[in-house]
PDB file of N, CA and C in Angstrom:
ATOM      1  N   UNK A   1       1.039 -31.875 -35.579  1.00  0.00           N
ATOM      2  CA  UNK A   1       1.521 -30.477 -35.663  1.00  0.00           C
ATOM      3  C   UNK A   1       2.186 -30.226 -34.283  1.00  0.00           C
ATOM      4  N   UNK A   2       3.366 -29.612 -34.354  1.00  0.00           N
ATOM      5  CA  UNK A   2       4.097 -29.235 -33.130  1.00  0.00           C
ATOM      6  C   UNK A   2       3.636 -27.822 -32.609  1.00  0.00           C
ATOM      7  N   UNK A   3       3.574 -27.814 -31.313  1.00  0.00           N
ATOM      8  CA  UNK A   3       3.271 -26.307 -30.742  1.00  0.00           C
ATOM      9  C   UNK A   3       4.574 -25.885 -30.122  1.00  0.00           C
ATOM     10  N   UNK A   4       4.751 -24.614 -30.489  1.00  0.00           N
ATOM     11  CA  UNK A   4       5.953 -23.952 -29.997  1.00  0.00           C
ATOM     12  C   UNK A   4       5.474 -22.902 -28.846  1.00  0.00           C
ATOM     13  N   UNK A   5       6.143 -23.090 -27.720  1.00  0.00           N
ATOM     14  CA  UNK A   5       5.841 -22.167 -26.629  1.00  0.00           C
ATOM     15  C   UNK A   5       6.957 -21.300 -26.334  1.00  0.00           C
ATOM     16  N   UNK A   6       6.733 -20.082 -25.793  1.00  0.00           N
ATOM     17  CA  UNK A   6       7.655 -19.175 -25.431  1.00  0.00           C
ATOM     18  C   UNK A   6       8.103 -19.330 -24.052  1.00  0.00           C
ATOM     19  N   UNK A   7       9.398 -19.170 -23.776  1.00  0.00           N
ATOM     20  CA  UNK A   7       9.791 -19.206 -22.357  1.00  0.00           C
ATOM     21  C   UNK A   7       9.357 -18.075 -21.684  1.00  0.00           C
ATOM     22  N   UNK A   8       8.932 -18.190 -20.341  1.00  0.00           N
ATOM     23  CA  UNK A   8       8.465 -17.040 -19.574  1.00  0.00           C
ATOM     24  C   UNK A   8       9.635 -16.131 -19.287  1.00  0.00           C
ATOM     25  N   UNK A   9       9.402 -14.781 -19.144  1.00  0.00           N
ATOM     26  CA  UNK A   9      10.522 -13.894 -18.809  1.00  0.00           C
ATOM     27  C   UNK A   9      11.123 -14.220 -17.548  1.00  0.00           C
ATOM     28  N   UNK A  10      12.396 -14.030 -17.439  1.00  0.00           N
ATOM     29  CA  UNK A  10      13.122 -14.306 -16.188  1.00  0.00           C
ATOM     30  C   UNK A  10      12.534 -13.400 -15.088  1.00  0.00           C
ATOM     31  N   UNK A  11      12.437 -13.857 -13.864  1.00  0.00           N
ATOM     32  CA  UNK A  11      11.897 -13.143 -12.775  1.00  0.00           C
ATOM     33  C   UNK A  11      12.592 -11.903 -12.520  1.00  0.00           C
ATOM     34  N   UNK A  12      13.886 -11.861 -12.715  1.00  0.00           N
ATOM     35  CA  UNK A  12      14.677 -10.710 -12.447  1.00  0.00           C
ATOM     36  C   UNK A  12      14.281  -9.613 -13.464  1.00  0.00           C
ATOM     37  N   UNK A  13      13.992  -9.932 -14.707  1.00  0.00           N
ATOM     38  CA  UNK A  13      13.594  -8.945 -15.720  1.00  0.00           C
ATOM     39  C   UNK A  13      12.308  -8.286 -15.324  1.00  0.00           C
ATOM     40  N   UNK A  14      11.304  -9.085 -14.842  1.00  0.00           N
ATOM     41  CA  UNK A  14      10.005  -8.618 -14.386  1.00  0.00           C
ATOM     42  C   UNK A  14      10.151  -7.582 -13.212  1.00  0.00           C
ATOM     43  N   UNK A  15      10.981  -8.058 -12.278  1.00  0.00           N
ATOM     44  CA  UNK A  15      11.315  -7.320 -11.043  1.00  0.00           C
ATOM     45  C   UNK A  15      11.884  -5.893 -11.562  1.00  0.00           C
ATOM     46  N   UNK A  16      12.841  -5.926 -12.473  1.00  0.00           N
ATOM     47  CA  UNK A  16      13.532  -4.751 -12.887  1.00  0.00           C
ATOM     48  C   UNK A  16      12.549  -3.776 -13.519  1.00  0.00           C
ATOM     49  N   UNK A  17      11.625  -4.316 -14.407  1.00  0.00           N
ATOM     50  CA  UNK A  17      10.567  -3.600 -15.153  1.00  0.00           C
ATOM     51  C   UNK A  17       9.724  -2.819 -14.113  1.00  0.00           C
ATOM     52  N   UNK A  18       9.182  -3.578 -13.064  1.00  0.00           N
ATOM     53  CA  UNK A  18       8.418  -2.957 -12.040  1.00  0.00           C
ATOM     54  C   UNK A  18       9.066  -1.859 -11.194  1.00  0.00           C
ATOM     55  N   UNK A  19      10.416  -2.172 -10.904  1.00  0.00           N
ATOM     56  CA  UNK A  19      11.130  -1.300 -10.112  1.00  0.00           C
ATOM     57  C   UNK A  19      11.293   0.094 -10.885  1.00  0.00           C
ATOM     58  N   UNK A  20      11.414   0.074 -12.192  1.00  0.00           N
ATOM     59  CA  UNK A  20      11.581   1.318 -13.004  1.00  0.00           C
ATOM     60  C   UNK A  20      10.249   2.071 -13.047  1.00  0.00           C
ATOM     61  N   UNK A  21       9.057   1.337 -12.889  1.00  0.00           N
ATOM     62  CA  UNK A  21       7.787   2.102 -13.016  1.00  0.00           C
ATOM     63  C   UNK A  21       7.417   2.695 -11.706  1.00  0.00           C
ATOM     64  N   UNK A  22       8.047   2.277 -10.555  1.00  0.00           N
ATOM     65  CA  UNK A  22       7.756   2.824  -9.214  1.00  0.00           C
ATOM     66  C   UNK A  22       8.434   4.120  -9.042  1.00  0.00           C
ATOM     67  N   UNK A  23       7.779   5.009  -8.293  1.00  0.00           N
ATOM     68  CA  UNK A  23       8.395   6.392  -8.083  1.00  0.00           C
ATOM     69  C   UNK A  23       9.380   6.315  -6.992  1.00  0.00           C
ATOM     70  N   UNK A  24       9.282   5.428  -6.006  1.00  0.00           N
ATOM     71  CA  UNK A  24      10.177   5.310  -4.916  1.00  0.00           C
ATOM     72  C   UNK A  24      10.590   3.871  -4.604  1.00  0.00           C
ATOM     73  N   UNK A  25      11.685   3.593  -3.919  1.00  0.00           N
ATOM     74  CA  UNK A  25      12.043   2.296  -3.535  1.00  0.00           C
ATOM     75  C   UNK A  25      11.135   1.852  -2.391  1.00  0.00           C
ATOM     76  N   UNK A  26      10.895   0.523  -2.473  1.00  0.00           N
ATOM     77  CA  UNK A  26      10.114  -0.128  -1.460  1.00  0.00           C
ATOM     78  C   UNK A  26      10.870  -0.936  -0.527  1.00  0.00           C
ATOM     79  N   UNK A  27      10.334  -0.976   0.705  1.00  0.00           N
ATOM     80  CA  UNK A  27      10.940  -1.722   1.694  1.00  0.00           C
ATOM     81  C   UNK A  27       9.837  -2.710   2.333  1.00  0.00           C
ATOM     82  N   UNK A  28      10.191  -3.929   2.425  1.00  0.00           N
ATOM     83  CA  UNK A  28       9.254  -4.950   2.961  1.00  0.00           C
ATOM     84  C   UNK A  28       9.283  -4.716   4.541  1.00  0.00           C
ATOM     85  N   UNK A  29       8.240  -4.444   5.087  1.00  0.00           N
ATOM     86  CA  UNK A  29       8.220  -4.111   6.591  1.00  0.00           C
ATOM     87  C   UNK A  29       6.771  -4.152   7.115  1.00  0.00           C
ATOM     88  N   UNK A  30       6.685  -4.667   8.383  1.00  0.00           N
ATOM     89  CA  UNK A  30       5.345  -4.645   8.951  1.00  0.00           C
ATOM     90  C   UNK A  30       5.244  -3.536   9.944  1.00  0.00           C
ATOM     91  N   UNK A  31       4.501  -2.562   9.561  1.00  0.00           N
ATOM     92  CA  UNK A  31       4.224  -1.465  10.332  1.00  0.00           C
ATOM     93  C   UNK A  31       2.699  -1.431  10.753  1.00  0.00           C
ATOM     94  N   UNK A  32       2.383  -1.495  12.008  1.00  0.00           N
ATOM     95  CA  UNK A  32       1.016  -1.556  12.358  1.00  0.00           C
ATOM     96  C   UNK A  32       0.465  -0.059  12.500  1.00  0.00           C
ATOM     97  N   UNK A  33      -0.742   0.089  11.966  1.00  0.00           N
ATOM     98  CA  UNK A  33      -1.437   1.377  12.027  1.00  0.00           C
ATOM     99  C   UNK A  33      -2.957   1.253  12.095  1.00  0.00           C
ATOM    100  N   UNK A  34      -3.609   2.341  12.357  1.00  0.00           N
ATOM    101  CA  UNK A  34      -5.035   2.356  12.309  1.00  0.00           C
ATOM    102  C   UNK A  34      -5.390   3.193  11.009  1.00  0.00           C
ATOM    103  N   UNK A  35      -6.514   2.878  10.511  1.00  0.00           N
ATOM    104  CA  UNK A  35      -6.981   3.635   9.319  1.00  0.00           C
ATOM    105  C   UNK A  35      -8.365   4.178   9.539  1.00  0.00           C
ATOM    106  N   UNK A  36      -8.585   5.350   9.368  1.00  0.00           N
ATOM    107  CA  UNK A  36      -9.950   5.980   9.615  1.00  0.00           C
ATOM    108  C   UNK A  36     -10.537   6.598   8.264  1.00  0.00           C
ATOM    109  N   UNK A  37     -11.748   6.622   8.099  1.00  0.00           N
ATOM    110  CA  UNK A  37     -12.475   7.122   6.913  1.00  0.00           C
ATOM    111  C   UNK A  37     -13.988   7.406   7.281  1.00  0.00           C
ATOM    112  N   UNK A  38     -14.614   8.213   6.472  1.00  0.00           N
ATOM    113  CA  UNK A  38     -16.034   8.591   6.668  1.00  0.00           C
ATOM    114  C   UNK A  38     -16.783   7.777   5.704  1.00  0.00           C
ATOM    115  N   UNK A  39     -17.872   7.193   6.303  1.00  0.00           N
ATOM    116  CA  UNK A  39     -18.733   6.409   5.436  1.00  0.00           C
ATOM    117  C   UNK A  39     -20.191   6.685   5.924  1.00  0.00           C
ATOM    118  N   UNK A  40     -21.016   7.207   5.063  1.00  0.00           N
ATOM    119  CA  UNK A  40     -22.335   7.540   5.346  1.00  0.00           C
ATOM    120  C   UNK A  40     -22.459   8.507   6.515  1.00  0.00           C
ATOM    121  N   UNK A  41     -21.556   9.472   6.471  1.00  0.00           N
ATOM    122  CA  UNK A  41     -21.472  10.490   7.606  1.00  0.00           C
ATOM    123  C   UNK A  41     -21.007  10.115   8.824  1.00  0.00           C
ATOM    124  N   UNK A  42     -20.504   8.889   8.993  1.00  0.00           N
ATOM    125  CA  UNK A  42     -19.955   8.375  10.159  1.00  0.00           C
ATOM    126  C   UNK A  42     -18.554   7.944  10.103  1.00  0.00           C
ATOM    127  N   UNK A  43     -17.785   8.283  11.159  1.00  0.00           N
ATOM    128  CA  UNK A  43     -16.352   7.884  11.244  1.00  0.00           C
ATOM    129  C   UNK A  43     -16.218   6.395  11.409  1.00  0.00           C
ATOM    130  N   UNK A  44     -15.400   5.781  10.432  1.00  0.00           N
ATOM    131  CA  UNK A  44     -15.122   4.338  10.604  1.00  0.00           C
ATOM    132  C   UNK A  44     -13.606   4.159  10.937  1.00  0.00           C
ATOM    133  N   UNK A  45     -13.255   3.022  11.475  1.00  0.00           N
ATOM    134  CA  UNK A  45     -11.868   2.817  11.875  1.00  0.00           C
ATOM    135  C   UNK A  45     -11.569   1.306  11.745  1.00  0.00           C
ATOM    136  N   UNK A  46     -10.375   0.940  11.332  1.00  0.00           N
ATOM    137  CA  UNK A  46      -9.955  -0.450  11.155  1.00  0.00           C
ATOM    138  C   UNK A  46      -8.457  -0.548  11.538  1.00  0.00           C
ATOM    139  N   UNK A  47      -8.040  -1.746  11.863  1.00  0.00           N
ATOM    140  CA  UNK A  47      -6.673  -1.957  12.023  1.00  0.00           C
ATOM    141  C   UNK A  47      -6.033  -2.358  10.776  1.00  0.00           C
ATOM    142  N   UNK A  48      -4.734  -2.121  10.649  1.00  0.00           N
ATOM    143  CA  UNK A  48      -4.067  -2.405   9.410  1.00  0.00           C
ATOM    144  C   UNK A  48      -2.608  -2.681   9.705  1.00  0.00           C
ATOM    145  N   UNK A  49      -1.961  -3.365   8.661  1.00  0.00           N
ATOM    146  CA  UNK A  49      -0.452  -3.647   8.807  1.00  0.00           C
ATOM    147  C   UNK A  49       0.077  -3.616   7.374  1.00  0.00           C
ATOM    148  N   UNK A  50       1.225  -2.956   7.283  1.00  0.00           N
ATOM    149  CA  UNK A  50       1.873  -2.806   6.042  1.00  0.00           C
ATOM    150  C   UNK A  50       2.488  -4.157   5.509  1.00  0.00           C
ATOM    151  N   UNK A  51       2.534  -4.321   4.196  1.00  0.00           N
ATOM    152  CA  UNK A  51       3.215  -5.383   3.615  1.00  0.00           C
ATOM    153  C   UNK A  51       4.649  -4.818   3.179  1.00  0.00           C
ATOM    154  N   UNK A  52       4.673  -3.733   2.466  1.00  0.00           N
ATOM    155  CA  UNK A  52       5.756  -2.976   2.158  1.00  0.00           C
ATOM    156  C   UNK A  52       5.399  -1.443   2.153  1.00  0.00           C
ATOM    157  N   UNK A  53       6.539  -0.706   2.354  1.00  0.00           N
ATOM    158  CA  UNK A  53       6.412   0.811   2.405  1.00  0.00           C
ATOM    159  C   UNK A  53       7.247   1.487   1.444  1.00  0.00           C
ATOM    160  N   UNK A  54       6.871   2.717   1.095  1.00  0.00           N
ATOM    161  CA  UNK A  54       7.810   3.548   0.275  1.00  0.00           C
ATOM    162  C   UNK A  54       7.577   4.977   0.811  1.00  0.00           C
ATOM    163  N   UNK A  55       8.268   5.904   0.133  1.00  0.00           N
ATOM    164  CA  UNK A  55       8.179   7.349   0.492  1.00  0.00           C
ATOM    165  C   UNK A  55       6.731   7.831   0.125  1.00  0.00           C
ATOM    166  N   UNK A  56       6.169   7.213  -0.826  1.00  0.00           N
ATOM    167  CA  UNK A  56       4.832   7.736  -1.287  1.00  0.00           C
ATOM    168  C   UNK A  56       3.580   6.938  -0.775  1.00  0.00           C
ATOM    169  N   UNK A  57       3.809   5.885  -0.022  1.00  0.00           N
ATOM    170  CA  UNK A  57       2.704   5.166   0.414  1.00  0.00           C
ATOM    171  C   UNK A  57       3.121   3.711   0.861  1.00  0.00           C
ATOM    172  N   UNK A  58       2.036   2.725   0.823  1.00  0.00           N
ATOM    173  CA  UNK A  58       2.309   1.415   1.281  1.00  0.00           C
ATOM    174  C   UNK A  58       1.318   0.482   0.492  1.00  0.00           C
ATOM    175  N   UNK A  59       1.659  -0.875   0.620  1.00  0.00           N
ATOM    176  CA  UNK A  59       0.666  -1.878   0.288  1.00  0.00           C
ATOM    177  C   UNK A  59       0.339  -2.362   1.746  1.00  0.00           C
ATOM    178  N   UNK A  60      -0.889  -2.684   2.054  1.00  0.00           N
ATOM    179  CA  UNK A  60      -1.185  -3.050   3.374  1.00  0.00           C
ATOM    180  C   UNK A  60      -2.451  -4.047   3.387  1.00  0.00           C
ATOM    181  N   UNK A  61      -2.585  -4.660   4.479  1.00  0.00           N
ATOM    182  CA  UNK A  61      -3.740  -5.549   4.705  1.00  0.00           C
ATOM    183  C   UNK A  61      -4.552  -4.803   5.734  1.00  0.00           C
ATOM    184  N   UNK A  62      -5.833  -4.488   5.351  1.00  0.00           N
ATOM    185  CA  UNK A  62      -6.660  -3.631   6.241  1.00  0.00           C
ATOM    186  C   UNK A  62      -7.874  -4.452   6.583  1.00  0.00           C
ATOM    187  N   UNK A  63      -8.280  -4.361   7.799  1.00  0.00           N
ATOM    188  CA  UNK A  63      -9.456  -5.075   8.382  1.00  0.00           C
ATOM    189  C   UNK A  63     -10.859  -4.482   8.025  1.00  0.00           C
ATOM    190  N   UNK A  64     -10.864  -4.040   6.748  1.00  0.00           N
ATOM    191  CA  UNK A  64     -12.179  -3.455   6.235  1.00  0.00           C
ATOM    192  C   UNK A  64     -12.076  -3.415   4.688  1.00  0.00           C
ATOM    193  N   UNK A  65     -13.217  -3.647   4.018  1.00  0.00           N
ATOM    194  CA  UNK A  65     -13.190  -3.543   2.599  1.00  0.00           C
ATOM    195  C   UNK A  65     -13.326  -2.062   2.093  1.00  0.00           C
ATOM    196  N   UNK A  66     -12.267  -1.447   1.872  1.00  0.00           N
ATOM    197  CA  UNK A  66     -12.254  -0.070   1.423  1.00  0.00           C
ATOM    198  C   UNK A  66     -12.394   0.024  -0.139  1.00  0.00           C
ATOM    199  N   UNK A  67     -13.250   0.983  -0.515  1.00  0.00           N
ATOM    200  CA  UNK A  67     -13.362   1.134  -1.923  1.00  0.00           C
ATOM    201  C   UNK A  67     -12.219   1.942  -2.580  1.00  0.00           C
ATOM    202  N   UNK A  68     -12.101   1.742  -3.914  1.00  0.00           N
ATOM    203  CA  UNK A  68     -11.125   2.530  -4.618  1.00  0.00           C
ATOM    204  C   UNK A  68     -11.342   4.036  -4.400  1.00  0.00           C
ATOM    205  N   UNK A  69     -10.300   4.831  -4.376  1.00  0.00           N
ATOM    206  CA  UNK A  69     -10.362   6.275  -4.271  1.00  0.00           C
ATOM    207  C   UNK A  69     -10.807   6.796  -2.962  1.00  0.00           C
ATOM    208  N   UNK A  70     -11.036   5.919  -2.012  1.00  0.00           N
ATOM    209  CA  UNK A  70     -11.549   6.295  -0.663  1.00  0.00           C
ATOM    210  C   UNK A  70     -10.470   7.195  -0.001  1.00  0.00           C
ATOM    211  N   UNK A  71     -10.759   8.303   0.567  1.00  0.00           N
ATOM    212  CA  UNK A  71      -9.890   9.160   1.232  1.00  0.00           C
ATOM    213  C   UNK A  71      -9.803   8.557   2.667  1.00  0.00           C
ATOM    214  N   UNK A  72      -8.649   8.507   3.185  1.00  0.00           N
ATOM    215  CA  UNK A  72      -8.463   7.809   4.577  1.00  0.00           C
ATOM    216  C   UNK A  72      -7.403   8.634   5.345  1.00  0.00           C
ATOM    217  N   UNK A  73      -7.289   8.353   6.576  1.00  0.00           N
ATOM    218  CA  UNK A  73      -6.307   8.883   7.480  1.00  0.00           C
ATOM    219  C   UNK A  73      -5.560   7.657   8.126  1.00  0.00           C
ATOM    220  N   UNK A  74      -4.249   7.736   8.071  1.00  0.00           N
ATOM    221  CA  UNK A  74      -3.442   6.668   8.635  1.00  0.00           C
ATOM    222  C   UNK A  74      -2.896   7.147   9.936  1.00  0.00           C
ATOM    223  N   UNK A  75      -2.892   6.334  10.899  1.00  0.00           N
ATOM    224  CA  UNK A  75      -2.455   6.680  12.283  1.00  0.00           C
ATOM    225  C   UNK A  75      -1.438   5.609  12.784  1.00  0.00           C
ATOM    226  N   UNK A  76      -0.083   5.982  12.781  1.00  0.00           N
ATOM    227  CA  UNK A  76       0.933   5.113  13.055  1.00  0.00           C
ATOM    228  C   UNK A  76       0.771   4.597  14.578  1.00  0.00           C
ATOM    229  N   UNK A  77       0.761   3.254  14.728  1.00  0.00           N
ATOM    230  CA  UNK A  77       0.496   2.719  16.041  1.00  0.00           C
ATOM    231  C   UNK A  77       1.469   3.072  17.120  1.00  0.00           C
ATOM    232  N   UNK A  78       2.748   3.166  16.749  1.00  0.00           N
ATOM    233  CA  UNK A  78       3.885   3.376  17.742  1.00  0.00           C
ATOM    234  C   UNK A  78       4.032   4.911  18.021  1.00  0.00           C
ATOM    235  N   UNK A  79       3.848   5.677  17.056  1.00  0.00           N
ATOM    236  CA  UNK A  79       4.263   7.176  17.190  1.00  0.00           C
ATOM    237  C   UNK A  79       2.965   8.057  17.260  1.00  0.00           C
ATOM    238  N   UNK A  80       1.821   7.559  16.855  1.00  0.00           N
ATOM    239  CA  UNK A  80       0.663   8.376  16.823  1.00  0.00           C
ATOM    240  C   UNK A  80       0.621   9.371  15.654  1.00  0.00           C
ATOM    241  N   UNK A  81       1.704   9.427  14.873  1.00  0.00           N
ATOM    242  CA  UNK A  81       1.656  10.337  13.757  1.00  0.00           C
ATOM    243  C   UNK A  81       0.502  10.046  12.769  1.00  0.00           C
ATOM    244  N   UNK A  82      -0.012  11.030  12.146  1.00  0.00           N
ATOM    245  CA  UNK A  82      -1.060  10.842  11.143  1.00  0.00           C
ATOM    246  C   UNK A  82      -0.718  11.306   9.728  1.00  0.00           C
ATOM    247  N   UNK A  83      -1.288  10.744   8.759  1.00  0.00           N
ATOM    248  CA  UNK A  83      -1.097  11.128   7.422  1.00  0.00           C
ATOM    249  C   UNK A  83      -2.366  10.845   6.686  1.00  0.00           C
ATOM    250  N   UNK A  84      -2.666  11.780   5.712  1.00  0.00           N
ATOM    251  CA  UNK A  84      -3.855  11.571   4.786  1.00  0.00           C
ATOM    252  C   UNK A  84      -3.380  10.805   3.609  1.00  0.00           C
ATOM    253  N   UNK A  85      -4.267   9.887   3.130  1.00  0.00           N
ATOM    254  CA  UNK A  85      -3.950   9.045   1.984  1.00  0.00           C
ATOM    255  C   UNK A  85      -5.149   8.734   1.196  1.00  0.00           C
ATOM    256  N   UNK A  86      -4.950   7.970   0.144  1.00  0.00           N
ATOM    257  CA  UNK A  86      -6.074   7.496  -0.723  1.00  0.00           C
ATOM    258  C   UNK A  86      -5.878   6.088  -1.128  1.00  0.00           C
ATOM    259  N   UNK A  87      -6.914   5.298  -1.291  1.00  0.00           N
ATOM    260  CA  UNK A  87      -6.866   3.948  -1.803  1.00  0.00           C
ATOM    261  C   UNK A  87      -6.651   4.097  -3.340  1.00  0.00           C
ATOM    262  N   UNK A  88      -5.464   3.567  -3.816  1.00  0.00           N
ATOM    263  CA  UNK A  88      -5.192   3.610  -5.208  1.00  0.00           C
ATOM    264  C   UNK A  88      -5.088   2.223  -5.930  1.00  0.00           C
ATOM    265  N   UNK A  89      -5.257   1.216  -5.056  1.00  0.00           N
ATOM    266  CA  UNK A  89      -5.102  -0.232  -5.664  1.00  0.00           C
ATOM    267  C   UNK A  89      -5.885  -1.141  -4.683  1.00  0.00           C
ATOM    268  N   UNK A  90      -6.540  -2.051  -5.210  1.00  0.00           N
ATOM    269  CA  UNK A  90      -7.240  -3.135  -4.463  1.00  0.00           C
ATOM    270  C   UNK A  90      -7.019  -4.469  -5.131  1.00  0.00           C
ATOM    271  N   UNK A  91      -6.668  -5.454  -4.344  1.00  0.00           N
ATOM    272  CA  UNK A  91      -6.488  -6.775  -4.907  1.00  0.00           C
ATOM    273  C   UNK A  91      -7.972  -7.308  -4.941  1.00  0.00           C
ATOM    274  N   UNK A  92      -8.178  -8.495  -5.622  1.00  0.00           N
ATOM    275  CA  UNK A  92      -9.392  -9.147  -5.696  1.00  0.00           C
ATOM    276  C   UNK A  92      -9.872  -9.510  -4.210  1.00  0.00           C
ATOM    277  N   UNK A  93      -8.956  -9.732  -3.350  1.00  0.00           N
ATOM    278  CA  UNK A  93      -9.255  -9.897  -1.952  1.00  0.00           C
ATOM    279  C   UNK A  93      -9.528  -8.499  -1.414  1.00  0.00           C
ATOM    280  N   UNK A  94     -10.479  -8.284  -0.748  1.00  0.00           N
ATOM    281  CA  UNK A  94     -10.933  -6.932  -0.297  1.00  0.00           C
ATOM    282  C   UNK A  94      -9.983  -6.336   0.731  1.00  0.00           C
ATOM    283  N   UNK A  95      -9.202  -7.142   1.471  1.00  0.00           N
ATOM    284  CA  UNK A  95      -8.416  -6.693   2.485  1.00  0.00           C
ATOM    285  C   UNK A  95      -7.007  -6.155   2.065  1.00  0.00           C
ATOM    286  N   UNK A  96      -6.553  -6.492   0.857  1.00  0.00           N
ATOM    287  CA  UNK A  96      -5.284  -5.931   0.327  1.00  0.00           C
ATOM    288  C   UNK A  96      -5.427  -4.698  -0.477  1.00  0.00           C
ATOM    289  N   UNK A  97      -4.841  -3.630   0.057  1.00  0.00           N
ATOM    290  CA  UNK A  97      -4.918  -2.361  -0.612  1.00  0.00           C
ATOM    291  C   UNK A  97      -3.639  -1.619  -0.789  1.00  0.00           C
ATOM    292  N   UNK A  98      -3.545  -0.710  -1.773  1.00  0.00           N
ATOM    293  CA  UNK A  98      -2.411   0.170  -1.967  1.00  0.00           C
ATOM    294  C   UNK A  98      -2.866   1.539  -1.510  1.00  0.00           C
ATOM    295  N   UNK A  99      -2.111   2.247  -0.744  1.00  0.00           N
ATOM    296  CA  UNK A  99      -2.386   3.499  -0.249  1.00  0.00           C
ATOM    297  C   UNK A  99      -1.337   4.466  -0.556  1.00  0.00           C
ATOM    298  N   UNK A 100      -1.747   5.595  -1.103  1.00  0.00           N
ATOM    299  CA  UNK A 100      -0.799   6.629  -1.546  1.00  0.00           C
ATOM    300  C   UNK A 100      -1.003   7.919  -0.618  1.00  0.00           C
ATOM    301  N   UNK A 101       0.150   8.255  -0.004  1.00  0.00           N
ATOM    302  CA  UNK A 101       0.040   9.459   0.850  1.00  0.00           C
ATOM    303  C   UNK A 101      -0.200  10.779   0.114  1.00  0.00           C
ATOM    304  N   UNK A 102      -1.001  11.582   0.620  1.00  0.00           N
ATOM    305  CA  UNK A 102      -1.213  12.841  -0.036  1.00  0.00           C
ATOM    306  C   UNK A 102       0.004  13.686  -0.144  1.00  0.00           C
ATOM    307  N   UNK A 103       0.734  13.693   0.938  1.00  0.00           N
ATOM    308  CA  UNK A 103       2.019  14.409   1.072  1.00  0.00           C
ATOM    309  C   UNK A 103       3.104  13.343   1.290  1.00  0.00           C
ATOM    310  N   UNK A 104       3.770  12.868   0.286  1.00  0.00           N
ATOM    311  CA  UNK A 104       4.749  11.800   0.524  1.00  0.00           C
ATOM    312  C   UNK A 104       5.745  12.201   1.586  1.00  0.00           C
ATOM    313  N   UNK A 105       6.075  11.309   2.622  1.00  0.00           N
ATOM    314  CA  UNK A 105       6.971  11.592   3.705  1.00  0.00           C
ATOM    315  C   UNK A 105       7.474  10.256   4.246  1.00  0.00           C
ATOM    316  N   UNK A 106       8.681   9.992   3.782  1.00  0.00           N
ATOM    317  CA  UNK A 106       9.419   8.675   4.175  1.00  0.00           C
ATOM    318  C   UNK A 106       9.471   8.556   5.743  1.00  0.00           C
ATOM    319  N   UNK A 107       9.543   9.672   6.446  1.00  0.00           N
ATOM    320  CA  UNK A 107       9.740   9.682   7.930  1.00  0.00           C
ATOM    321  C   UNK A 107       8.422   9.081   8.547  1.00  0.00           C
ATOM    322  N   UNK A 108       7.286   9.172   7.899  1.00  0.00           N
ATOM    323  CA  UNK A 108       6.056   8.676   8.539  1.00  0.00           C
ATOM    324  C   UNK A 108       6.195   7.264   9.066  1.00  0.00           C
ATOM    325  N   UNK A 109       6.861   6.390   8.346  1.00  0.00           N
ATOM    326  CA  UNK A 109       6.899   4.923   8.653  1.00  0.00           C
ATOM    327  C   UNK A 109       7.945   4.667   9.765  1.00  0.00           C
ATOM    328  N   UNK A 110       8.860   5.674  10.058  1.00  0.00           N
ATOM    329  CA  UNK A 110       9.788   5.346  11.093  1.00  0.00           C
ATOM    330  C   UNK A 110      10.900   4.390  10.687  1.00  0.00           C
ATOM    331  N   UNK A 111      11.134   4.285   9.372  1.00  0.00           N
ATOM    332  CA  UNK A 111      12.129   3.413   8.816  1.00  0.00           C
ATOM    333  C   UNK A 111      13.247   4.194   8.125  1.00  0.00           C
ATOM    334  N   UNK A 112      14.366   3.596   7.968  1.00  0.00           N
ATOM    335  CA  UNK A 112      15.478   4.073   7.173  1.00  0.00           C
ATOM    336  C   UNK A 112      15.383   3.655   5.684  1.00  0.00           C
ATOM    337  N   UNK A 113      15.289   4.425   4.780  1.00  0.00           N
ATOM    338  CA  UNK A 113      15.280   4.122   3.366  1.00  0.00           C
ATOM    339  C   UNK A 113      16.616   4.134   2.711  1.00  0.00           C
TER     340      UNK A 113
END
């Protein structure tokens, strides 16, 4: 009996589909920042770096295992600017997170979109 397999979708088609689902354009960029949050009534802090950024947030590698929906404050390492955000995605690796800014602001990252 012969088995028929389907060809996987072209990578471009998958990228196009994801681009249409995103609310803002993403830029691959490494922006260093600190991330702060409250845990058990105590202020916690960790270093982080973005993988990519958009008007509404970023994907980042964070030096702490943040839970989903955790409210955090981002502090830009170069400018000192601060922005409130929330963890909206976590990879199976605890360090990879998606952060959504509470008030989207493309200028927070200091990049041209």
